[in-house]
PDB file of N, CA and C in Angstrom:
ATOM      1  N   MET A   1     -18.831  -3.273  10.479  1.00  0.00           N
ATOM      2  CA  MET A   1     -17.935  -3.014  11.118  1.00  0.00           C
ATOM      3  C   MET A   1     -16.861  -4.368  11.533  1.00  0.00           C
ATOM      4  N   THR A   2     -15.779  -4.136  11.169  1.00  0.00           N
ATOM      5  CA  THR A   2     -14.500  -4.765  11.350  1.00  0.00           C
ATOM      6  C   THR A   2     -13.835  -4.304  12.601  1.00  0.00           C
ATOM      7  N   SER A   3     -13.412  -4.641  13.401  1.00  0.00           N
ATOM      8  CA  SER A   3     -13.227  -4.720  15.427  1.00  0.00           C
ATOM      9  C   SER A   3     -11.118  -3.807  14.253  1.00  0.00           C
ATOM     10  N   LYS A   4     -10.772  -3.578  15.130  1.00  0.00           N
ATOM     11  CA  LYS A   4      -9.227  -2.910  15.095  1.00  0.00           C
ATOM     12  C   LYS A   4      -8.260  -3.983  14.802  1.00  0.00           C
ATOM     13  N   GLU A   5      -8.234  -5.224  15.639  1.00  0.00           N
ATOM     14  CA  GLU A   5      -8.060  -6.640  15.170  1.00  0.00           C
ATOM     15  C   GLU A   5      -7.699  -7.126  14.015  1.00  0.00           C
ATOM     16  N   ASP A   6      -9.566  -6.744  13.378  1.00  0.00           N
ATOM     17  CA  ASP A   6      -9.673  -8.077  12.356  1.00  0.00           C
ATOM     18  C   ASP A   6      -9.138  -6.781  11.497  1.00  0.00           C
ATOM     19  N   LEU A   7      -8.680  -5.875  11.119  1.00  0.00           N
ATOM     20  CA  LEU A   7      -8.363  -4.695  10.534  1.00  0.00           C
ATOM     21  C   LEU A   7      -7.073  -4.808  10.442  1.00  0.00           C
ATOM     22  N   ASP A   8      -6.484  -5.066  11.611  1.00  0.00           N
ATOM     23  CA  ASP A   8      -4.551  -5.379  11.207  1.00  0.00           C
ATOM     24  C   ASP A   8      -4.185  -6.693  10.746  1.00  0.00           C
ATOM     25  N   THR A   9      -5.065  -8.073  11.145  1.00  0.00           N
ATOM     26  CA  THR A   9      -4.667  -8.778  10.389  1.00  0.00           C
ATOM     27  C   THR A   9      -5.346  -9.411   9.729  1.00  0.00           C
ATOM     28  N   GLU A  10      -6.137  -8.390   8.885  1.00  0.00           N
ATOM     29  CA  GLU A  10      -6.603  -8.455   6.770  1.00  0.00           C
ATOM     30  C   GLU A  10      -5.187  -7.591   6.268  1.00  0.00           C
ATOM     31  N   PHE A  11      -4.755  -6.518   6.885  1.00  0.00           N
ATOM     32  CA  PHE A  11      -4.109  -5.752   6.967  1.00  0.00           C
ATOM     33  C   PHE A  11      -2.523  -6.874   6.276  1.00  0.00           C
ATOM     34  N   LEU A  12      -2.153  -6.874   7.449  1.00  0.00           N
ATOM     35  CA  LEU A  12      -0.690  -8.011   7.878  1.00  0.00           C
ATOM     36  C   LEU A  12      -0.825  -9.024   6.399  1.00  0.00           C
ATOM     37  N   ASP A  13      -2.197  -9.953   6.424  1.00  0.00           N
ATOM     38  CA  ASP A  13      -2.672 -10.689   5.049  1.00  0.00           C
ATOM     39  C   ASP A  13      -2.507  -9.936   3.423  1.00  0.00           C
ATOM     40  N   ALA A  14      -2.969  -9.130   3.217  1.00  0.00           N
ATOM     41  CA  ALA A  14      -2.612  -8.358   2.453  1.00  0.00           C
ATOM     42  C   ALA A  14      -0.979  -8.369   2.300  1.00  0.00           C
ATOM     43  N   VAL A  15      -0.381  -8.078   2.768  1.00  0.00           N
ATOM     44  CA  VAL A  15       0.991  -8.415   2.827  1.00  0.00           C
ATOM     45  C   VAL A  15       1.347  -8.920   2.500  1.00  0.00           C
ATOM     46  N   GLU A  16       1.388  -9.670   3.295  1.00  0.00           N
ATOM     47  CA  GLU A  16       2.016 -11.222   2.938  1.00  0.00           C
ATOM     48  C   GLU A  16       1.846 -11.592   1.683  1.00  0.00           C
ATOM     49  N   ARG A  17       0.299 -11.045   0.939  1.00  0.00           N
ATOM     50  CA  ARG A  17      -0.001 -12.057   0.441  1.00  0.00           C
ATOM     51  C   ARG A  17       0.801 -11.499  -1.341  1.00  0.00           C
ATOM     52  N   VAL A  18       1.142 -10.023  -0.615  1.00  0.00           N
ATOM     53  CA  VAL A  18       2.027  -9.169  -1.758  1.00  0.00           C
ATOM     54  C   VAL A  18       3.484  -9.806  -1.707  1.00  0.00           C
ATOM     55  N   ASN A  19       3.545  -9.923  -0.733  1.00  0.00           N
ATOM     56  CA  ASN A  19       5.145  -9.871  -0.375  1.00  0.00           C
ATOM     57  C   ASN A  19       5.344 -11.472  -1.250  1.00  0.00           C
ATOM     58  N   ALA A  20       4.726 -12.588  -0.716  1.00  0.00           N
ATOM     59  CA  ALA A  20       4.534 -13.801  -1.911  1.00  0.00           C
ATOM     60  C   ALA A  20       4.664 -14.004  -2.841  1.00  0.00           C
ATOM     61  N   TYR A  21       3.598 -12.924  -3.314  1.00  0.00           N
ATOM     62  CA  TYR A  21       3.477 -12.936  -5.035  1.00  0.00           C
ATOM     63  C   TYR A  21       4.905 -12.814  -6.372  1.00  0.00           C
ATOM     64  N   THR A  22       5.545 -14.225  -6.739  1.00  0.00           N
ATOM     65  CA  THR A  22       6.486 -13.877  -7.508  1.00  0.00           C
ATOM     66  C   THR A  22       6.668 -12.571  -8.688  1.00  0.00           C
ATOM     67  N   GLU A  23       5.265 -12.404 -10.098  1.00  0.00           N
ATOM     68  CA  GLU A  23       5.490 -11.776 -10.770  1.00  0.00           C
ATOM     69  C   GLU A  23       5.065 -10.513 -10.790  1.00  0.00           C
ATOM     70  N   PRO A  24       5.688  -9.376 -11.258  1.00  0.00           N
ATOM     71  CA  PRO A  24       5.880  -7.881 -11.207  1.00  0.00           C
ATOM     72  C   PRO A  24       4.731  -7.094 -11.118  1.00  0.00           C
ATOM     73  N   PHE A  25       4.321  -6.369 -10.429  1.00  0.00           N
ATOM     74  CA  PHE A  25       3.241  -5.087 -10.226  1.00  0.00           C
ATOM     75  C   PHE A  25       3.348  -4.237 -11.388  1.00  0.00           C
ATOM     76  N   PRO A  26       1.904  -3.576 -11.710  1.00  0.00           N
ATOM     77  CA  PRO A  26       1.941  -2.819 -12.429  1.00  0.00           C
ATOM     78  C   PRO A  26       2.931  -1.829 -11.301  1.00  0.00           C
ATOM     79  N   ALA A  27       3.457  -0.697 -12.375  1.00  0.00           N
ATOM     80  CA  ALA A  27       3.872   0.436 -11.932  1.00  0.00           C
ATOM     81  C   ALA A  27       3.100   1.335 -10.514  1.00  0.00           C
ATOM     82  N   ASP A  28       2.180   1.537 -11.147  1.00  0.00           N
ATOM     83  CA  ASP A  28       0.548   2.688 -10.703  1.00  0.00           C
ATOM     84  C   ASP A  28       0.368   1.884  -9.782  1.00  0.00           C
ATOM     85  N   PHE A  29       0.377   0.463  -9.928  1.00  0.00           N
ATOM     86  CA  PHE A  29      -0.535  -0.658  -8.824  1.00  0.00           C
ATOM     87  C   PHE A  29       0.969  -0.422  -7.824  1.00  0.00           C
ATOM     88  N   LEU A  30       1.946  -0.746  -8.042  1.00  0.00           N
ATOM     89  CA  LEU A  30       3.062  -0.628  -6.700  1.00  0.00           C
ATOM     90  C   LEU A  30       2.858   0.723  -5.900  1.00  0.00           C
ATOM     91  N   LEU A  31       3.312   1.934  -6.787  1.00  0.00           N
ATOM     92  CA  LEU A  31       2.869   3.356  -5.855  1.00  0.00           C
ATOM     93  C   LEU A  31       1.759   2.705  -5.160  1.00  0.00           C
ATOM     94  N   ARG A  32       0.459   2.851  -5.580  1.00  0.00           N
ATOM     95  CA  ARG A  32      -0.737   2.763  -4.942  1.00  0.00           C
ATOM     96  C   ARG A  32      -0.464   2.210  -3.684  1.00  0.00           C
ATOM     97  N   LEU A  33       0.249   0.912  -3.735  1.00  0.00           N
ATOM     98  CA  LEU A  33       0.039  -0.043  -2.394  1.00  0.00           C
ATOM     99  C   LEU A  33       1.672   0.703  -1.028  1.00  0.00           C
ATOM    100  N   TYR A  34       2.539   1.302  -2.741  1.00  0.00           N
ATOM    101  CA  TYR A  34       3.780   1.889  -1.053  1.00  0.00           C
ATOM    102  C   TYR A  34       2.860   2.482  -0.959  1.00  0.00           C
ATOM    103  N   ALA A  35       2.213   3.692  -1.398  1.00  0.00           N
ATOM    104  CA  ALA A  35       2.054   4.314   0.051  1.00  0.00           C
ATOM    105  C   ALA A  35       0.640   4.772   0.650  1.00  0.00           C
ATOM    106  N   TYR A  36      -0.381   3.600  -0.081  1.00  0.00           N
ATOM    107  CA  TYR A  36      -0.939   3.175   1.778  1.00  0.00           C
ATOM    108  C   TYR A  36      -0.622   1.803   3.047  1.00  0.00           C
ATOM    109  N   TYR A  37       0.447   2.250   2.219  1.00  0.00           N
ATOM    110  CA  TYR A  37       1.100   0.096   3.210  1.00  0.00           C
ATOM    111  C   TYR A  37       1.991   1.524   4.098  1.00  0.00           C
ATOM    112  N   LYS A  38       2.987   2.764   3.869  1.00  0.00           N
ATOM    113  CA  LYS A  38       3.313   3.673   4.424  1.00  0.00           C
ATOM    114  C   LYS A  38       2.760   4.467   5.345  1.00  0.00           C
ATOM    115  N   LYS A  39       1.496   4.861   4.908  1.00  0.00           N
ATOM    116  CA  LYS A  39       0.369   5.900   5.747  1.00  0.00           C
ATOM    117  C   LYS A  39       0.031   4.777   6.753  1.00  0.00           C
ATOM    118  N   ALA A  40      -0.839   3.447   6.567  1.00  0.00           N
ATOM    119  CA  ALA A  40      -1.200   2.462   7.435  1.00  0.00           C
ATOM    120  C   ALA A  40       0.037   2.351   8.804  1.00  0.00           C
ATOM    121  N   THR A  41       1.210   1.861   8.362  1.00  0.00           N
ATOM    122  CA  THR A  41       2.258   1.633   9.221  1.00  0.00           C
ATOM    123  C   THR A  41       3.030   3.419   9.837  1.00  0.00           C
ATOM    124  N   ASN A  42       2.376   3.744   9.502  1.00  0.00           N
ATOM    125  CA  ASN A  42       3.084   5.459  10.069  1.00  0.00           C
ATOM    126  C   ASN A  42       4.428   6.142   9.899  1.00  0.00           C
ATOM    127  N   ASP A  43       5.237   5.120   8.980  1.00  0.00           N
ATOM    128  CA  ASP A  43       6.872   5.243   8.332  1.00  0.00           C
ATOM    129  C   ASP A  43       6.233   6.084   7.145  1.00  0.00           C
ATOM    130  N   TYR A  44       7.205   7.177   7.886  1.00  0.00           N
ATOM    131  CA  TYR A  44       6.904   8.512   7.317  1.00  0.00           C
ATOM    132  C   TYR A  44       8.427   9.116   6.398  1.00  0.00           C
ATOM    133  N   GLY A  45       9.134   7.902   6.935  1.00  0.00           N
ATOM    134  CA  GLY A  45      10.610   8.000   6.121  1.00  0.00           C
ATOM    135  C   GLY A  45      10.461   8.416   4.866  1.00  0.00           C
ATOM    136  N   ARG A  46      11.590   8.811   4.590  1.00  0.00           N
ATOM    137  CA  ARG A  46      11.383   9.960   2.857  1.00  0.00           C
ATOM    138  C   ARG A  46      11.587   8.251   1.884  1.00  0.00           C
ATOM    139  N   PRO A  47      11.242   8.721   0.590  1.00  0.00           N
ATOM    140  CA  PRO A  47      11.674   7.405  -0.222  1.00  0.00           C
ATOM    141  C   PRO A  47      12.766   7.821  -0.590  1.00  0.00           C
ATOM    142  N   SER A  48      13.620   6.135  -0.322  1.00  0.00           N
ATOM    143  CA  SER A  48      15.507   6.006  -0.406  1.00  0.00           C
ATOM    144  C   SER A  48      15.928   5.438  -2.279  1.00  0.00           C
ATOM    145  N   SER A  49      15.098   5.391  -2.519  1.00  0.00           N
ATOM    146  CA  SER A  49      15.957   4.953  -4.143  1.00  0.00           C
ATOM    147  C   SER A  49      16.883   5.782  -5.138  1.00  0.00           C
ATOM    148  N   ARG A  50      17.897   4.889  -5.187  1.00  0.00           N
ATOM    149  CA  ARG A  50      18.407   5.415  -5.914  1.00  0.00           C
ATOM    150  C   ARG A  50      18.457   7.050  -6.968  1.00  0.00           C
ATOM    151  N   LYS A  51      17.328   6.571  -8.252  1.00  0.00           N
ATOM    152  CA  LYS A  51      17.169   7.791  -8.839  1.00  0.00           C
ATOM    153  C   LYS A  51      15.591   8.298  -8.130  1.00  0.00           C
ATOM    154  N   PRO A  52      16.380   9.295  -9.138  1.00  0.00           N
ATOM    155  CA  PRO A  52      15.540  10.708  -7.977  1.00  0.00           C
ATOM    156  C   PRO A  52      13.222  10.969  -8.751  1.00  0.00           C
ATOM    157  N   ILE A  53      13.674   9.995  -9.908  1.00  0.00           N
ATOM    158  CA  ILE A  53      12.203  10.130 -10.726  1.00  0.00           C
ATOM    159  C   ILE A  53      11.301   9.071  -9.873  1.00  0.00           C
ATOM    160  N   ILE A  54      12.186   8.394  -9.561  1.00  0.00           N
ATOM    161  CA  ILE A  54      11.121   6.984  -8.491  1.00  0.00           C
ATOM    162  C   ILE A  54      11.275   7.778  -7.273  1.00  0.00           C
ATOM    163  N   ASN A  55      12.376   8.732  -6.536  1.00  0.00           N
ATOM    164  CA  ASN A  55      11.506   9.211  -4.965  1.00  0.00           C
ATOM    165  C   ASN A  55      11.105  10.410  -5.340  1.00  0.00           C
ATOM    166  N   ALA A  56      10.297  11.166  -6.603  1.00  0.00           N
ATOM    167  CA  ALA A  56       9.551  11.801  -6.701  1.00  0.00           C
ATOM    168  C   ALA A  56       8.279  11.275  -7.155  1.00  0.00           C
ATOM    169  N   PHE A  57       7.346  10.479  -8.136  1.00  0.00           N
ATOM    170  CA  PHE A  57       6.991   9.017  -8.006  1.00  0.00           C
ATOM    171  C   PHE A  57       6.487   8.743  -6.415  1.00  0.00           C
ATOM    172  N   LYS A  58       7.115   8.760  -5.618  1.00  0.00           N
ATOM    173  CA  LYS A  58       6.548   8.072  -4.466  1.00  0.00           C
ATOM    174  C   LYS A  58       6.013   8.785  -4.088  1.00  0.00           C
ATOM    175  N   THR A  59       7.684   9.971  -3.573  1.00  0.00           N
ATOM    176  CA  THR A  59       6.532  11.322  -2.445  1.00  0.00           C
ATOM    177  C   THR A  59       5.794  11.841  -2.912  1.00  0.00           C
ATOM    178  N   ASN A  60       5.028  12.238  -4.145  1.00  0.00           N
ATOM    179  CA  ASN A  60       3.336  12.104  -4.750  1.00  0.00           C
ATOM    180  C   ASN A  60       3.093  11.563  -4.470  1.00  0.00           C
ATOM    181  N   ALA A  61       3.240   9.871  -4.045  1.00  0.00           N
ATOM    182  CA  ALA A  61       1.857   8.939  -4.159  1.00  0.00           C
ATOM    183  C   ALA A  61       1.618   9.260  -2.352  1.00  0.00           C
ATOM    184  N   LEU A  62       2.695   9.351  -1.812  1.00  0.00           N
ATOM    185  CA  LEU A  62       2.791  10.077   0.142  1.00  0.00           C
ATOM    186  C   LEU A  62       1.956  11.189   0.232  1.00  0.00           C
ATOM    187  N   PHE A  63       2.142  12.416  -1.088  1.00  0.00           N
ATOM    188  CA  PHE A  63       1.766  13.398  -0.971  1.00  0.00           C
ATOM    189  C   PHE A  63      -0.357  13.348  -1.178  1.00  0.00           C
ATOM    190  N   GLN A  64      -0.911  12.451  -1.892  1.00  0.00           N
ATOM    191  CA  GLN A  64      -2.435  11.922  -2.308  1.00  0.00           C
ATOM    192  C   GLN A  64      -2.932  11.258  -1.317  1.00  0.00           C
ATOM    193  N   VAL A  65      -2.415  10.575  -0.399  1.00  0.00           N
ATOM    194  CA  VAL A  65      -3.260  10.595   0.553  1.00  0.00           C
ATOM    195  C   VAL A  65      -2.747  10.239   2.326  1.00  0.00           C
ATOM    196  N   GLN A  66      -1.957  11.223   2.576  1.00  0.00           N
ATOM    197  CA  GLN A  66      -2.084  12.379   3.916  1.00  0.00           C
ATOM    198  C   GLN A  66      -3.643  12.759   4.603  1.00  0.00           C
ATOM    199  N   LYS A  67      -4.137  12.806   3.451  1.00  0.00           N
ATOM    200  CA  LYS A  67      -5.675  13.488   4.833  1.00  0.00           C
ATOM    201  C   LYS A  67      -5.961  12.429   5.348  1.00  0.00           C
ATOM    202  N   ILE A  68      -6.058  10.820   4.741  1.00  0.00           N
ATOM    203  CA  ILE A  68      -6.409   9.460   5.351  1.00  0.00           C
ATOM    204  C   ILE A  68      -6.058   9.340   6.242  1.00  0.00           C
ATOM    205  N   SER A  69      -7.146   8.203   7.619  1.00  0.00           N
ATOM    206  CA  SER A  69      -6.716   7.588   8.281  1.00  0.00           C
ATOM    207  C   SER A  69      -5.901   6.889   7.942  1.00  0.00           C
ATOM    208  N   GLN A  70      -5.369   6.376   9.177  1.00  0.00           N
ATOM    209  CA  GLN A  70      -3.811   5.407   9.485  1.00  0.00           C
ATOM    210  C   GLN A  70      -4.754   3.795   8.902  1.00  0.00           C
ATOM    211  N   ASP A  71      -6.436   3.623   9.658  1.00  0.00           N
ATOM    212  CA  ASP A  71      -6.921   3.033   9.426  1.00  0.00           C
ATOM    213  C   ASP A  71      -7.329   2.874   8.225  1.00  0.00           C
ATOM    214  N   GLU A  72      -7.713   3.990   7.408  1.00  0.00           N
ATOM    215  CA  GLU A  72      -8.680   3.902   6.089  1.00  0.00           C
ATOM    216  C   GLU A  72      -7.176   3.475   4.693  1.00  0.00           C
ATOM    217  N   ALA A  73      -5.952   3.912   5.375  1.00  0.00           N
ATOM    218  CA  ALA A  73      -4.794   3.969   4.550  1.00  0.00           C
ATOM    219  C   ALA A  73      -4.906   2.117   4.889  1.00  0.00           C
ATOM    220  N   LYS A  74      -5.249   1.374   6.057  1.00  0.00           N
ATOM    221  CA  LYS A  74      -5.338  -0.074   6.100  1.00  0.00           C
ATOM    222  C   LYS A  74      -6.306  -0.837   4.858  1.00  0.00           C
ATOM    223  N   ARG A  75      -7.844  -0.236   5.066  1.00  0.00           N
ATOM    224  CA  ARG A  75      -8.713  -0.877   4.256  1.00  0.00           C
ATOM    225  C   ARG A  75      -8.410  -0.412   2.975  1.00  0.00           C
ATOM    226  N   GLU A  76      -7.496   0.031   1.970  1.00  0.00           N
ATOM    227  CA  GLU A  76      -7.738   0.616   0.772  1.00  0.00           C
ATOM    228  C   GLU A  76      -6.360  -0.077   0.394  1.00  0.00           C
ATOM    229  N   TYR A  77      -5.221  -0.375   1.288  1.00  0.00           N
ATOM    230  CA  TYR A  77      -4.642  -1.413   0.387  1.00  0.00           C
ATOM    231  C   TYR A  77      -4.793  -2.733   0.701  1.00  0.00           C
ATOM    232  N   ILE A  78      -6.238  -3.147   2.205  1.00  0.00           N
ATOM    233  CA  ILE A  78      -6.232  -4.718   1.731  1.00  0.00           C
ATOM    234  C   ILE A  78      -7.347  -4.312   0.073  1.00  0.00           C
ATOM    235  N   ASP A  79      -8.156  -3.466  -0.047  1.00  0.00           N
ATOM    236  CA  ASP A  79      -9.174  -3.113  -1.303  1.00  0.00           C
ATOM    237  C   ASP A  79      -8.294  -3.985  -2.411  1.00  0.00           C
ATOM    238  N   LEU A  80      -6.921  -3.003  -2.635  1.00  0.00           N
ATOM    239  CA  LEU A  80      -6.373  -2.374  -3.659  1.00  0.00           C
ATOM    240  C   LEU A  80      -5.504  -4.172  -3.451  1.00  0.00           C
ATOM    241  N   VAL A  81      -5.397  -4.957  -3.073  1.00  0.00           N
ATOM    242  CA  VAL A  81      -4.671  -6.051  -3.395  1.00  0.00           C
ATOM    243  C   VAL A  81      -5.105  -7.105  -3.516  1.00  0.00           C
ATOM    244  N   ASN A  82      -6.556  -7.396  -2.702  1.00  0.00           N
ATOM    245  CA  ASN A  82      -8.095  -7.951  -3.199  1.00  0.00           C
ATOM    246  C   ASN A  82      -8.382  -7.924  -4.714  1.00  0.00           C
ATOM    247  N   ASN A  83      -9.047  -6.791  -5.162  1.00  0.00           N
ATOM    248  CA  ASN A  83      -9.229  -6.858  -6.398  1.00  0.00           C
ATOM    249  C   ASN A  83      -7.889  -7.046  -6.952  1.00  0.00           C
ATOM    250  N   TYR A  84      -6.727  -6.689  -6.827  1.00  0.00           N
ATOM    251  CA  TYR A  84      -5.808  -6.873  -8.405  1.00  0.00           C
ATOM    252  C   TYR A  84      -5.691  -8.474  -7.965  1.00  0.00           C
ATOM    253  N   PHE A  85      -6.152  -9.273  -6.970  1.00  0.00           N
ATOM    254  CA  PHE A  85      -5.546 -11.116  -7.104  1.00  0.00           C
ATOM    255  C   PHE A  85      -7.315 -11.343  -8.081  1.00  0.00           C
ATOM    256  N   LEU A  86      -7.975 -10.676  -7.568  1.00  0.00           N
ATOM    257  CA  LEU A  86      -9.368 -10.562  -7.991  1.00  0.00           C
ATOM    258  C   LEU A  86      -9.624 -10.966  -9.483  1.00  0.00           C
ATOM    259  N   TYR A  87      -9.248  -9.897 -10.024  1.00  0.00           N
ATOM    260  CA  TYR A  87      -9.432  -9.261 -11.631  1.00  0.00           C
ATOM    261  C   TYR A  87      -7.408 -10.090 -12.814  1.00  0.00           C
ATOM    262  N   ARG A  88      -6.794 -10.082 -11.840  1.00  0.00           N
ATOM    263  CA  ARG A  88      -5.178 -10.731 -12.477  1.00  0.00           C
ATOM    264  C   ARG A  88      -5.417 -11.635 -13.890  1.00  0.00           C
ATOM    265  N   LYS A  89      -4.798 -11.128 -14.286  1.00  0.00           N
ATOM    266  CA  LYS A  89      -5.179 -12.797 -15.728  1.00  0.00           C
ATOM    267  C   LYS A  89      -4.543 -13.791 -14.830  1.00  0.00           C
TER     268      LYS A  89
END
């Protein structure tokens, strides 16, 4: 089991990896990242895309993670990023 500080550090490292990556990510991957990030950072602001369909997808993604804890969202985000970079082409 990792400490809270280790989890936070690992989470921030994963966020930096995503932000530094220049290739496009698959849309379903981005939605999952978005939802876990929002939950992990306690950012419950409404999606703000100019396209209503994108806001609907984002809202649905947020709805799917509403029952997990903030720390679990961080772990899921970290796992998602690590697996993506491990298995990407």
